[in-house]
Amino acid sequence: MPTVREIFDALLKEIKAILRENVHEMEAAVKKRLQRLLISGIIVSVLLAIVISLFGSAIVLLLIGSLKYLSTFMPAWEAWVVMGLTSAVIGGLLFLVLFFFIRKRLRTKQT
């Protein structure tokens, strides 16, 4: 006849086996979810970098064209000042948009 200690040990072994199986399943699910999040985060980051670089290139080409156009009917130094102010405003706006975008993304991830 089994003793109380043997019954208790067998019961604990069963509980350990069940818990170990559940832990492995949860670990696999968490790893899969983290892998998907990591891949989607990398893709979003790369796409955002590409869009920002394309936007920056378009702005540079637009400013160069505008500089050439402005220098036809005003002195070159005034055209450079106008383009400098324009690029400063565009850069400031881009900075603010990215700042609010990143701030919003960080706030939603914390909650």
C-alpha atoms as a PDB file:
ATOM      1  CA  MET A   1       0.000   0.000   0.000  1.00  0.00           C
ATOM      2  CA  PRO A   2       1.435   3.414  -0.996  1.00  0.00           C
ATOM      3  CA  THR A   3       2.188   5.811   1.764  1.00  0.00           C
ATOM      4  CA  VAL A   4       0.886   9.357   1.985  1.00  0.00           C
ATOM      5  CA  ARG A   5       4.321  10.681   1.053  1.00  0.00           C
ATOM      6  CA  GLU A   6       4.412   8.593  -2.139  1.00  0.00           C
ATOM      7  CA  ILE A   7       0.926   9.738  -3.122  1.00  0.00           C
ATOM      8  CA  PHE A   8       1.869  13.327  -2.403  1.00  0.00           C
ATOM      9  CA  ASP A   9       5.100  13.012  -4.455  1.00  0.00           C
ATOM     10  CA  ALA A  10       3.203  11.476  -7.388  1.00  0.00           C
ATOM     11  CA  LEU A  11       0.643  14.286  -7.232  1.00  0.00           C
ATOM     12  CA  LEU A  12       3.410  16.897  -7.195  1.00  0.00           C
ATOM     13  CA  LYS A  13       5.119  15.239 -10.179  1.00  0.00           C
ATOM     14  CA  GLU A  14       1.863  15.373 -12.143  1.00  0.00           C
ATOM     15  CA  ILE A  15       1.376  19.026 -11.286  1.00  0.00           C
ATOM     16  CA  LYS A  16       4.988  19.781 -12.304  1.00  0.00           C
ATOM     17  CA  ALA A  17       4.518  17.981 -15.631  1.00  0.00           C
ATOM     18  CA  ILE A  18       1.316  19.911 -16.393  1.00  0.00           C
ATOM     19  CA  LEU A  19       2.894  23.226 -15.435  1.00  0.00           C
ATOM     20  CA  ARG A  20       6.045  22.480 -17.446  1.00  0.00           C
ATOM     21  CA  GLU A  21       3.939  21.695 -20.520  1.00  0.00           C
ATOM     22  CA  ASN A  22       1.949  24.915 -20.135  1.00  0.00           C
ATOM     23  CA  VAL A  23       5.132  26.944 -19.667  1.00  0.00           C
ATOM     24  CA  HIS A  24       6.620  25.538 -22.860  1.00  0.00           C
ATOM     25  CA  GLU A  25       3.446  26.322 -24.816  1.00  0.00           C
ATOM     26  CA  MET A  26       3.295  29.860 -23.451  1.00  0.00           C
ATOM     27  CA  GLU A  27       7.008  30.379 -24.101  1.00  0.00           C
ATOM     28  CA  ALA A  28       6.599  29.315 -27.728  1.00  0.00           C
ATOM     29  CA  ALA A  29       3.594  31.613 -28.165  1.00  0.00           C
ATOM     30  CA  VAL A  30       5.433  34.563 -26.622  1.00  0.00           C
ATOM     31  CA  LYS A  31       8.508  33.953 -28.794  1.00  0.00           C
ATOM     32  CA  LYS A  32       6.361  33.796 -31.923  1.00  0.00           C
ATOM     33  CA  ARG A  33       4.537  37.008 -30.988  1.00  0.00           C
ATOM     34  CA  LEU A  34       7.808  38.817 -30.217  1.00  0.00           C
ATOM     35  CA  GLN A  35       9.276  37.665 -33.509  1.00  0.00           C
ATOM     36  CA  ARG A  36       6.270  39.049 -35.419  1.00  0.00           C
ATOM     37  CA  LEU A  37       6.457  42.327 -33.493  1.00  0.00           C
ATOM     38  CA  LEU A  38      10.176  42.626 -34.163  1.00  0.00           C
ATOM     39  CA  ILE A  39       9.801  41.961 -37.877  1.00  0.00           C
ATOM     40  CA  SER A  40       6.907  44.404 -38.233  1.00  0.00           C
ATOM     41  CA  GLY A  41       8.847  47.014 -36.249  1.00  0.00           C
ATOM     42  CA  ILE A  42      11.870  46.653 -38.509  1.00  0.00           C
ATOM     43  CA  ILE A  43       9.713  46.891 -41.639  1.00  0.00           C
ATOM     44  CA  VAL A  44       7.931  50.002 -40.371  1.00  0.00           C
ATOM     45  CA  SER A  45      11.246  51.614 -39.415  1.00  0.00           C
ATOM     46  CA  VAL A  46      12.796  50.927 -42.820  1.00  0.00           C
ATOM     47  CA  LEU A  47       9.730  52.204 -44.668  1.00  0.00           C
ATOM     48  CA  LEU A  48       9.631  55.332 -42.517  1.00  0.00           C
ATOM     49  CA  ALA A  49      13.323  55.978 -43.206  1.00  0.00           C
ATOM     50  CA  ILE A  50      12.750  55.567 -46.949  1.00  0.00           C
ATOM     51  CA  VAL A  51       9.779  57.938 -46.926  1.00  0.00           C
ATOM     52  CA  ILE A  52      11.692  60.543 -44.925  1.00  0.00           C
ATOM     53  CA  SER A  53      14.703  60.332 -47.262  1.00  0.00           C
ATOM     54  CA  LEU A  54      12.487  60.619 -50.343  1.00  0.00           C
ATOM     55  CA  PHE A  55      10.689  63.578 -48.782  1.00  0.00           C
ATOM     56  CA  GLY A  56      14.026  65.196 -47.941  1.00  0.00           C
ATOM     57  CA  SER A  57      15.362  64.651 -51.460  1.00  0.00           C
ATOM     58  CA  ALA A  58      12.234  66.159 -52.975  1.00  0.00           C
ATOM     59  CA  ILE A  59      12.535  69.183 -50.715  1.00  0.00           C
ATOM     60  CA  VAL A  60      16.211  69.675 -51.616  1.00  0.00           C
ATOM     61  CA  LEU A  61      15.449  69.517 -55.338  1.00  0.00           C
ATOM     62  CA  LEU A  62      12.502  71.874 -54.895  1.00  0.00           C
ATOM     63  CA  LEU A  63      14.634  74.348 -52.962  1.00  0.00           C
ATOM     64  CA  ILE A  64      17.422  74.246 -55.548  1.00  0.00           C
ATOM     65  CA  GLY A  65      14.914  74.870 -58.339  1.00  0.00           C
ATOM     66  CA  SER A  66      13.297  77.668 -56.356  1.00  0.00           C
ATOM     67  CA  LEU A  67      16.710  79.215 -55.720  1.00  0.00           C
ATOM     68  CA  LYS A  68      17.469  79.279 -59.437  1.00  0.00           C
ATOM     69  CA  TYR A  69      14.030  80.758 -60.145  1.00  0.00           C
ATOM     70  CA  LEU A  70      14.274  83.404 -57.416  1.00  0.00           C
ATOM     71  CA  SER A  71      17.750  84.454 -58.512  1.00  0.00           C
ATOM     72  CA  THR A  72      16.331  85.462 -61.909  1.00  0.00           C
ATOM     73  CA  PHE A  73      14.374  88.421 -60.502  1.00  0.00           C
ATOM     74  CA  MET A  74      16.158  89.244 -57.218  1.00  0.00           C
ATOM     75  CA  PRO A  75      19.775  89.382 -56.062  1.00  0.00           C
ATOM     76  CA  ALA A  76      21.373  86.043 -55.315  1.00  0.00           C
ATOM     77  CA  TRP A  77      21.899  86.771 -51.614  1.00  0.00           C
ATOM     78  CA  GLU A  78      18.175  87.525 -51.151  1.00  0.00           C
ATOM     79  CA  ALA A  79      17.281  84.292 -52.926  1.00  0.00           C
ATOM     80  CA  TRP A  80      19.635  82.406 -50.589  1.00  0.00           C
ATOM     81  CA  VAL A  81      18.053  84.066 -47.539  1.00  0.00           C
ATOM     82  CA  VAL A  82      14.545  83.189 -48.721  1.00  0.00           C
ATOM     83  CA  MET A  83      15.552  79.581 -49.396  1.00  0.00           C
ATOM     84  CA  GLY A  84      17.355  79.368 -46.052  1.00  0.00           C
ATOM     85  CA  LEU A  85      14.264  80.538 -44.199  1.00  0.00           C
ATOM     86  CA  THR A  86      12.057  78.221 -46.245  1.00  0.00           C
ATOM     87  CA  SER A  87      14.263  75.215 -45.528  1.00  0.00           C
ATOM     88  CA  ALA A  88      14.377  76.133 -41.817  1.00  0.00           C
ATOM     89  CA  VAL A  89      10.574  76.250 -41.665  1.00  0.00           C
ATOM     90  CA  ILE A  90      10.240  72.944 -43.547  1.00  0.00           C
ATOM     91  CA  GLY A  91      12.861  71.313 -41.312  1.00  0.00           C
ATOM     92  CA  GLY A  92      11.119  72.604 -38.184  1.00  0.00           C
ATOM     93  CA  LEU A  93       7.764  71.303 -39.378  1.00  0.00           C
ATOM     94  CA  LEU A  94       9.265  67.924 -40.229  1.00  0.00           C
ATOM     95  CA  PHE A  95      10.881  67.773 -36.792  1.00  0.00           C
ATOM     96  CA  LEU A  96       7.587  68.603 -35.070  1.00  0.00           C
ATOM     97  CA  VAL A  97       5.647  66.032 -37.082  1.00  0.00           C
ATOM     98  CA  LEU A  98       8.186  63.315 -36.300  1.00  0.00           C
ATOM     99  CA  PHE A  99       8.336  64.371 -32.649  1.00  0.00           C
ATOM    100  CA  PHE A 100       4.567  64.086 -32.231  1.00  0.00           C
ATOM    101  CA  PHE A 101       4.480  60.838 -34.211  1.00  0.00           C
ATOM    102  CA  ILE A 102       7.168  59.215 -32.050  1.00  0.00           C
ATOM    103  CA  ARG A 103       5.627  60.589 -28.862  1.00  0.00           C
ATOM    104  CA  LYS A 104       2.254  59.130 -29.826  1.00  0.00           C
ATOM    105  CA  ARG A 105       3.801  55.741 -30.645  1.00  0.00           C
ATOM    106  CA  LEU A 106       5.640  55.625 -27.319  1.00  0.00           C
ATOM    107  CA  ARG A 107       2.534  56.630 -25.393  1.00  0.00           C
ATOM    108  CA  THR A 108       0.394  53.910 -26.987  1.00  0.00           C
ATOM    109  CA  LYS A 109       3.019  51.226 -26.290  1.00  0.00           C
ATOM    110  CA  GLN A 110       3.177  52.074 -22.572  1.00  0.00           C
ATOM    111  CA  THR A 111      -0.572  51.747 -22.011  1.00  0.00           C
END
